[in-house]
Amino acid sequence: MSSRSLYQRLTPYFTSRIRQSHRLLSSNQPPSFDDIHMTDSCIKRMKELQATETSKEELMLRLGVETGGCSGFQYVFDLDHKTNPDDRVFEREGIKLVVDNISYDFLRGATIDYVEELIRSAFVVSTNPSAVGGCSCKSSFMVKQ
């Protein structure tokens, strides 16, 4: 009898939580702080690269973090056609950014940009809330303690 009453008391709670989760997942909520964002310039450059791609596989931008660089950690950008089981995929306007779970911990809330300068054109991490500082070329960073 007491288990039945417990079930009756908890059912409305779980039902409301399920409905709330469904509303959040199905609505067009603004991106959360934990998302990794891509600028318009990044999206535009990826679309250009996809247009020149001869392979029928989808071209994605992969971002990783490795030890090294002049500040302790460095960003590594690559173009990829596949995802791995431990990857997180962020999508905007059909463009996918792929980040592995370990790198994601260093990149939460970051913004990815594509810059064209006199000496180079490259994808860069323009802002990273997890970084304290880095080198002027924006390819390496130090982690907040």
N, C-alpha and C. Protein backbone atom coordinates (compact mmCIF):
# COMPACT_ATOMS: atom_id res chain seq x y z
N MET A 1 0.81 -1.19 0.00
CA MET A 1 0.00 0.00 0.00
C MET A 1 0.87 1.27 0.00
N SER A 2 1.91 1.29 0.82
CA SER A 2 2.74 2.49 0.89
C SER A 2 3.51 2.69 -0.40
N SER A 3 3.91 1.60 -1.07
CA SER A 3 4.61 1.76 -2.36
C SER A 3 3.66 2.32 -3.41
N ARG A 4 2.42 1.95 -3.36
CA ARG A 4 1.44 2.48 -4.31
C ARG A 4 1.24 3.97 -4.08
N SER A 5 1.16 4.38 -2.85
CA SER A 5 0.97 5.80 -2.58
C SER A 5 2.21 6.61 -2.97
N LEU A 6 3.38 6.03 -2.81
CA LEU A 6 4.60 6.69 -3.22
C LEU A 6 4.60 6.86 -4.75
N TYR A 7 4.19 5.83 -5.44
CA TYR A 7 4.08 5.89 -6.90
C TYR A 7 3.10 6.99 -7.31
N GLN A 8 1.97 7.06 -6.65
CA GLN A 8 0.97 8.07 -6.99
C GLN A 8 1.48 9.48 -6.70
N ARG A 9 2.29 9.62 -5.68
CA ARG A 9 2.83 10.94 -5.35
C ARG A 9 3.92 11.37 -6.32
N LEU A 10 4.74 10.41 -6.78
CA LEU A 10 5.87 10.75 -7.65
C LEU A 10 5.49 10.87 -9.13
N THR A 11 4.43 10.23 -9.54
CA THR A 11 4.03 10.25 -10.95
C THR A 11 3.84 11.67 -11.49
N PRO A 12 3.11 12.55 -10.82
CA PRO A 12 2.96 13.91 -11.35
C PRO A 12 4.29 14.66 -11.46
N TYR A 13 5.17 14.41 -10.51
CA TYR A 13 6.48 15.06 -10.55
C TYR A 13 7.26 14.64 -11.79
N PHE A 14 7.39 13.34 -12.01
CA PHE A 14 8.14 12.84 -13.16
C PHE A 14 7.47 13.23 -14.48
N THR A 15 6.17 13.22 -14.51
CA THR A 15 5.45 13.61 -15.71
C THR A 15 5.76 15.06 -16.06
N SER A 16 5.76 15.94 -15.07
CA SER A 16 6.05 17.35 -15.34
C SER A 16 7.50 17.54 -15.77
N ARG A 17 8.41 16.78 -15.19
CA ARG A 17 9.83 16.89 -15.58
C ARG A 17 10.04 16.42 -17.02
N ILE A 18 9.36 15.35 -17.40
CA ILE A 18 9.47 14.85 -18.76
C ILE A 18 8.91 15.88 -19.74
N ARG A 19 7.78 16.47 -19.42
CA ARG A 19 7.20 17.50 -20.29
C ARG A 19 8.12 18.71 -20.41
N GLN A 20 8.69 19.12 -19.29
CA GLN A 20 9.59 20.27 -19.30
C GLN A 20 10.82 19.96 -20.17
N SER A 21 11.39 18.80 -20.03
CA SER A 21 12.55 18.41 -20.84
C SER A 21 12.19 18.37 -22.32
N HIS A 22 11.03 17.84 -22.61
CA HIS A 22 10.59 17.77 -24.00
C HIS A 22 10.42 19.17 -24.59
N ARG A 23 9.87 20.10 -23.82
CA ARG A 23 9.70 21.47 -24.30
C ARG A 23 11.05 22.11 -24.59
N LEU A 24 12.01 21.89 -23.69
CA LEU A 24 13.33 22.47 -23.88
C LEU A 24 14.03 21.89 -25.10
N LEU A 25 13.89 20.60 -25.31
CA LEU A 25 14.55 19.96 -26.43
C LEU A 25 13.90 20.31 -27.76
N SER A 26 12.61 20.52 -27.76
CA SER A 26 11.91 20.75 -29.02
C SER A 26 11.77 22.23 -29.36
N SER A 27 12.12 23.12 -28.46
CA SER A 27 11.99 24.55 -28.76
C SER A 27 13.31 25.09 -29.29
N ASN A 28 13.24 26.28 -29.84
CA ASN A 28 14.45 26.93 -30.35
C ASN A 28 15.04 27.81 -29.25
N GLN A 29 15.57 27.19 -28.25
CA GLN A 29 16.18 27.92 -27.15
C GLN A 29 17.52 28.50 -27.61
N PRO A 30 17.93 29.62 -27.05
CA PRO A 30 19.25 30.14 -27.39
C PRO A 30 20.33 29.17 -26.93
N PRO A 31 21.50 29.17 -27.57
CA PRO A 31 22.55 28.23 -27.19
C PRO A 31 22.97 28.45 -25.75
N SER A 32 23.37 27.39 -25.11
CA SER A 32 23.79 27.48 -23.72
C SER A 32 25.24 27.94 -23.65
N PHE A 33 25.67 28.29 -22.45
CA PHE A 33 27.04 28.74 -22.22
C PHE A 33 28.02 27.64 -22.57
N ASP A 34 27.63 26.39 -22.39
CA ASP A 34 28.53 25.27 -22.62
C ASP A 34 28.73 24.95 -24.10
N ASP A 35 27.91 25.51 -24.98
CA ASP A 35 28.08 25.27 -26.40
C ASP A 35 29.37 25.91 -26.90
N ILE A 36 29.87 25.37 -27.98
CA ILE A 36 30.99 25.99 -28.67
C ILE A 36 30.39 26.69 -29.88
N HIS A 37 30.68 27.96 -30.04
CA HIS A 37 30.02 28.79 -31.04
C HIS A 37 30.91 28.99 -32.26
N MET A 38 30.29 29.16 -33.42
CA MET A 38 31.01 29.46 -34.65
C MET A 38 30.52 30.80 -35.17
N THR A 39 31.46 31.65 -35.57
CA THR A 39 31.11 32.96 -36.11
C THR A 39 30.61 32.83 -37.55
N ASP A 40 30.03 33.91 -38.07
CA ASP A 40 29.58 33.93 -39.46
C ASP A 40 30.75 33.68 -40.42
N SER A 41 31.92 34.24 -40.09
CA SER A 41 33.10 34.05 -40.93
C SER A 41 33.53 32.58 -40.97
N CYS A 42 33.45 31.91 -39.85
CA CYS A 42 33.77 30.48 -39.77
C CYS A 42 32.80 29.67 -40.62
N ILE A 43 31.53 29.97 -40.50
CA ILE A 43 30.49 29.27 -41.27
C ILE A 43 30.71 29.49 -42.77
N LYS A 44 30.98 30.74 -43.15
CA LYS A 44 31.17 31.07 -44.56
C LYS A 44 32.36 30.30 -45.14
N ARG A 45 33.48 30.27 -44.41
CA ARG A 45 34.67 29.56 -44.91
C ARG A 45 34.42 28.06 -45.02
N MET A 46 33.73 27.47 -44.06
CA MET A 46 33.44 26.03 -44.13
C MET A 46 32.54 25.72 -45.32
N LYS A 47 31.58 26.60 -45.60
CA LYS A 47 30.71 26.39 -46.77
C LYS A 47 31.52 26.46 -48.06
N GLU A 48 32.49 27.37 -48.11
CA GLU A 48 33.37 27.45 -49.28
C GLU A 48 34.18 26.16 -49.43
N LEU A 49 34.71 25.66 -48.34
CA LEU A 49 35.49 24.42 -48.38
C LEU A 49 34.62 23.23 -48.79
N GLN A 50 33.40 23.20 -48.28
CA GLN A 50 32.49 22.11 -48.64
C GLN A 50 32.14 22.16 -50.13
N ALA A 51 32.02 23.35 -50.69
CA ALA A 51 31.67 23.50 -52.10
C ALA A 51 32.78 22.98 -53.01
N THR A 52 34.02 23.05 -52.57
CA THR A 52 35.14 22.57 -53.38
C THR A 52 35.46 21.11 -53.11
N GLU A 53 34.83 20.52 -52.13
CA GLU A 53 35.08 19.12 -51.74
C GLU A 53 34.56 18.18 -52.81
N THR A 54 35.41 17.25 -53.24
CA THR A 54 35.01 16.29 -54.27
C THR A 54 34.41 15.02 -53.67
N SER A 55 34.72 14.75 -52.42
CA SER A 55 34.19 13.55 -51.76
C SER A 55 32.70 13.73 -51.47
N LYS A 56 31.97 12.64 -51.49
CA LYS A 56 30.54 12.70 -51.18
C LYS A 56 30.29 12.72 -49.68
N GLU A 57 31.34 12.45 -48.89
CA GLU A 57 31.19 12.46 -47.45
C GLU A 57 31.13 13.90 -46.94
N GLU A 58 30.45 14.06 -45.84
CA GLU A 58 30.28 15.40 -45.25
C GLU A 58 31.60 15.89 -44.67
N LEU A 59 31.96 17.13 -44.98
CA LEU A 59 33.17 17.74 -44.47
C LEU A 59 32.85 18.49 -43.18
N MET A 60 33.59 18.19 -42.12
CA MET A 60 33.36 18.81 -40.82
C MET A 60 34.66 19.44 -40.32
N LEU A 61 34.54 20.45 -39.50
CA LEU A 61 35.69 21.08 -38.86
C LEU A 61 35.91 20.39 -37.52
N ARG A 62 37.12 19.88 -37.32
CA ARG A 62 37.46 19.21 -36.05
C ARG A 62 38.40 20.12 -35.27
N LEU A 63 38.10 20.29 -33.99
CA LEU A 63 38.93 21.09 -33.11
C LEU A 63 39.35 20.24 -31.92
N GLY A 64 40.64 20.25 -31.64
CA GLY A 64 41.16 19.51 -30.50
C GLY A 64 42.13 20.36 -29.71
N VAL A 65 42.47 19.88 -28.53
CA VAL A 65 43.45 20.55 -27.67
C VAL A 65 44.55 19.54 -27.37
N GLU A 66 45.79 19.97 -27.54
CA GLU A 66 46.94 19.13 -27.22
C GLU A 66 47.88 19.90 -26.30
N THR A 67 48.71 19.18 -25.58
CA THR A 67 49.74 19.85 -24.79
C THR A 67 50.80 20.36 -25.75
N GLY A 68 51.36 21.50 -25.41
CA GLY A 68 52.40 22.09 -26.24
C GLY A 68 52.10 23.55 -26.51
N GLY A 69 52.81 24.09 -27.46
CA GLY A 69 52.66 25.51 -27.76
C GLY A 69 53.42 26.33 -26.74
N CYS A 70 53.48 27.61 -26.95
CA CYS A 70 54.27 28.46 -26.06
C CYS A 70 53.56 28.76 -24.74
N SER A 71 52.29 28.40 -24.61
CA SER A 71 51.56 28.70 -23.37
C SER A 71 51.12 27.45 -22.60
N GLY A 72 51.43 26.27 -23.08
CA GLY A 72 51.08 25.04 -22.35
C GLY A 72 50.12 24.13 -23.08
N PHE A 73 49.10 24.70 -23.73
CA PHE A 73 48.15 23.93 -24.53
C PHE A 73 48.00 24.61 -25.88
N GLN A 74 47.71 23.83 -26.89
CA GLN A 74 47.53 24.42 -28.22
C GLN A 74 46.28 23.87 -28.88
N TYR A 75 45.67 24.72 -29.69
CA TYR A 75 44.50 24.33 -30.46
C TYR A 75 44.95 23.64 -31.74
N VAL A 76 44.23 22.60 -32.11
CA VAL A 76 44.54 21.87 -33.34
C VAL A 76 43.26 21.80 -34.17
N PHE A 77 43.30 22.39 -35.36
CA PHE A 77 42.17 22.37 -36.28
C PHE A 77 42.47 21.38 -37.40
N ASP A 78 41.43 20.68 -37.83
CA ASP A 78 41.57 19.72 -38.91
C ASP A 78 40.23 19.62 -39.63
N LEU A 79 40.26 19.18 -40.87
CA LEU A 79 39.03 18.90 -41.60
C LEU A 79 38.84 17.39 -41.57
N ASP A 80 37.62 16.95 -41.30
CA ASP A 80 37.36 15.52 -41.10
C ASP A 80 36.06 15.12 -41.78
N HIS A 81 35.95 13.84 -42.07
CA HIS A 81 34.74 13.30 -42.69
C HIS A 81 33.95 12.39 -41.76
N LYS A 82 34.50 12.11 -40.57
CA LYS A 82 33.82 11.16 -39.68
C LYS A 82 33.87 11.65 -38.24
N THR A 83 32.95 11.12 -37.46
CA THR A 83 32.95 11.39 -36.02
C THR A 83 33.31 10.11 -35.29
N ASN A 84 33.80 10.27 -34.08
CA ASN A 84 34.13 9.14 -33.22
C ASN A 84 33.09 9.05 -32.11
N PRO A 85 32.99 7.90 -31.46
CA PRO A 85 31.98 7.74 -30.40
C PRO A 85 32.09 8.76 -29.26
N ASP A 86 33.30 9.26 -28.99
CA ASP A 86 33.47 10.21 -27.87
C ASP A 86 33.43 11.66 -28.32
N ASP A 87 32.94 11.94 -29.52
CA ASP A 87 32.88 13.31 -30.04
C ASP A 87 31.58 14.01 -29.66
N ARG A 88 31.68 15.31 -29.53
CA ARG A 88 30.51 16.18 -29.42
C ARG A 88 30.43 16.96 -30.71
N VAL A 89 29.22 17.09 -31.23
CA VAL A 89 29.03 17.77 -32.50
C VAL A 89 28.18 19.02 -32.28
N PHE A 90 28.68 20.16 -32.73
CA PHE A 90 27.97 21.43 -32.65
C PHE A 90 27.66 21.84 -34.08
N GLU A 91 26.41 22.21 -34.33
CA GLU A 91 26.00 22.49 -35.70
C GLU A 91 25.33 23.85 -35.79
N ARG A 92 25.66 24.55 -36.87
CA ARG A 92 25.02 25.83 -37.18
C ARG A 92 24.96 25.96 -38.68
N GLU A 93 23.78 26.24 -39.21
CA GLU A 93 23.56 26.43 -40.65
C GLU A 93 24.11 25.26 -41.47
N GLY A 94 24.00 24.05 -40.94
CA GLY A 94 24.45 22.86 -41.66
C GLY A 94 25.94 22.58 -41.54
N ILE A 95 26.68 23.45 -40.87
CA ILE A 95 28.12 23.25 -40.67
C ILE A 95 28.33 22.60 -39.32
N LYS A 96 29.14 21.54 -39.31
CA LYS A 96 29.38 20.80 -38.07
C LYS A 96 30.79 21.03 -37.56
N LEU A 97 30.88 21.31 -36.27
CA LEU A 97 32.14 21.42 -35.55
C LEU A 97 32.21 20.21 -34.63
N VAL A 98 33.29 19.44 -34.72
CA VAL A 98 33.44 18.21 -33.95
C VAL A 98 34.55 18.41 -32.93
N VAL A 99 34.25 18.07 -31.67
CA VAL A 99 35.22 18.21 -30.58
C VAL A 99 35.17 16.94 -29.74
N ASP A 100 36.33 16.35 -29.45
CA ASP A 100 36.34 15.17 -28.60
C ASP A 100 36.07 15.57 -27.15
N ASN A 101 35.63 14.61 -26.34
CA ASN A 101 35.21 14.89 -24.97
C ASN A 101 36.31 15.51 -24.12
N ILE A 102 37.54 15.07 -24.28
CA ILE A 102 38.64 15.61 -23.46
C ILE A 102 38.89 17.07 -23.83
N SER A 103 38.95 17.36 -25.11
CA SER A 103 39.16 18.75 -25.56
C SER A 103 38.00 19.64 -25.17
N TYR A 104 36.79 19.07 -25.16
CA TYR A 104 35.60 19.86 -24.83
C TYR A 104 35.72 20.51 -23.45
N ASP A 105 36.33 19.81 -22.50
CA ASP A 105 36.50 20.37 -21.16
C ASP A 105 37.31 21.66 -21.17
N PHE A 106 38.20 21.81 -22.16
CA PHE A 106 39.02 23.03 -22.29
C PHE A 106 38.35 24.09 -23.16
N LEU A 107 37.25 23.74 -23.83
CA LEU A 107 36.68 24.62 -24.84
C LEU A 107 35.25 25.08 -24.57
N ARG A 108 34.68 24.72 -23.44
CA ARG A 108 33.29 25.11 -23.14
C ARG A 108 33.10 26.60 -23.26
N GLY A 109 32.09 26.98 -24.05
CA GLY A 109 31.77 28.40 -24.20
C GLY A 109 32.67 29.15 -25.16
N ALA A 110 33.58 28.45 -25.84
CA ALA A 110 34.52 29.11 -26.75
C ALA A 110 33.82 29.54 -28.05
N THR A 111 34.45 30.45 -28.75
CA THR A 111 33.96 30.92 -30.05
C THR A 111 35.04 30.67 -31.09
N ILE A 112 34.65 30.03 -32.19
CA ILE A 112 35.57 29.70 -33.27
C ILE A 112 35.33 30.68 -34.41
N ASP A 113 36.41 31.23 -34.92
CA ASP A 113 36.34 32.23 -35.98
C ASP A 113 37.28 31.83 -37.12
N TYR A 114 37.08 32.45 -38.27
CA TYR A 114 38.02 32.32 -39.38
C TYR A 114 38.53 33.70 -39.67
N VAL A 115 39.86 33.88 -39.62
CA VAL A 115 40.44 35.20 -39.84
C VAL A 115 41.36 35.18 -41.05
N GLU A 116 41.33 36.28 -41.77
CA GLU A 116 42.23 36.47 -42.92
C GLU A 116 43.10 37.67 -42.60
N GLU A 117 44.39 37.40 -42.48
CA GLU A 117 45.35 38.44 -42.16
C GLU A 117 46.40 38.51 -43.25
N LEU A 118 47.29 39.47 -43.15
CA LEU A 118 48.33 39.63 -44.14
C LEU A 118 49.23 38.40 -44.22
N ILE A 119 49.57 37.84 -43.08
CA ILE A 119 50.52 36.73 -43.07
C ILE A 119 49.88 35.34 -43.07
N ARG A 120 48.59 35.26 -42.77
CA ARG A 120 47.95 33.94 -42.76
C ARG A 120 46.43 34.07 -42.77
N SER A 121 45.79 32.98 -43.14
CA SER A 121 44.34 32.84 -43.02
C SER A 121 44.13 31.53 -42.28
N ALA A 122 43.31 31.56 -41.22
CA ALA A 122 43.18 30.35 -40.41
C ALA A 122 41.95 30.39 -39.53
N PHE A 123 41.53 29.21 -39.13
CA PHE A 123 40.52 29.09 -38.08
C PHE A 123 41.23 29.37 -36.76
N VAL A 124 40.59 30.13 -35.89
CA VAL A 124 41.16 30.44 -34.59
C VAL A 124 40.07 30.37 -33.52
N VAL A 125 40.51 30.18 -32.29
CA VAL A 125 39.60 30.28 -31.15
C VAL A 125 39.69 31.73 -30.71
N SER A 126 38.65 32.51 -31.01
CA SER A 126 38.71 33.94 -30.73
C SER A 126 38.45 34.25 -29.26
N THR A 127 37.58 33.48 -28.61
CA THR A 127 37.37 33.63 -27.17
C THR A 127 37.26 32.25 -26.55
N ASN A 128 37.81 32.12 -25.35
CA ASN A 128 37.73 30.86 -24.62
C ASN A 128 37.66 31.17 -23.13
N PRO A 129 36.49 30.95 -22.50
CA PRO A 129 36.34 31.24 -21.08
C PRO A 129 37.24 30.39 -20.19
N SER A 130 37.73 29.27 -20.70
CA SER A 130 38.60 28.39 -19.92
C SER A 130 40.06 28.82 -19.96
N ALA A 131 40.39 29.78 -20.82
CA ALA A 131 41.77 30.21 -20.99
C ALA A 131 42.05 31.48 -20.22
N VAL A 132 43.23 31.51 -19.60
CA VAL A 132 43.66 32.69 -18.86
C VAL A 132 44.47 33.61 -19.75
N GLY A 133 45.26 33.06 -20.58
CA GLY A 133 46.10 33.86 -21.47
C GLY A 133 46.62 32.97 -22.56
N GLY A 134 47.41 33.55 -23.42
CA GLY A 134 47.97 32.78 -24.52
C GLY A 134 48.91 33.63 -25.33
N CYS A 135 49.36 33.05 -26.41
CA CYS A 135 50.27 33.79 -27.26
C CYS A 135 49.49 34.70 -28.21
N SER A 136 50.19 35.60 -28.84
CA SER A 136 49.52 36.57 -29.71
C SER A 136 48.95 35.94 -30.97
N CYS A 137 49.45 34.78 -31.37
CA CYS A 137 48.93 34.15 -32.59
C CYS A 137 47.64 33.37 -32.32
N LYS A 138 47.21 33.30 -31.08
CA LYS A 138 45.98 32.64 -30.66
C LYS A 138 45.94 31.14 -30.95
N SER A 139 47.13 30.53 -31.05
CA SER A 139 47.15 29.09 -31.28
C SER A 139 47.44 28.31 -30.01
N SER A 140 47.86 29.00 -28.95
CA SER A 140 48.09 28.30 -27.68
C SER A 140 47.52 29.12 -26.53
N PHE A 141 47.33 28.44 -25.39
CA PHE A 141 46.67 29.09 -24.25
C PHE A 141 47.07 28.43 -22.95
N MET A 142 46.81 29.14 -21.84
CA MET A 142 46.96 28.61 -20.50
C MET A 142 45.57 28.42 -19.92
N VAL A 143 45.43 27.40 -19.09
CA VAL A 143 44.12 27.07 -18.50
C VAL A 143 43.96 27.79 -17.18
N LYS A 144 42.73 28.27 -16.91
CA LYS A 144 42.42 28.88 -15.62
C LYS A 144 42.55 27.84 -14.53
N GLN A 145 43.06 28.24 -13.39
CA GLN A 145 43.19 27.32 -12.26
C GLN A 145 41.95 27.26 -11.45
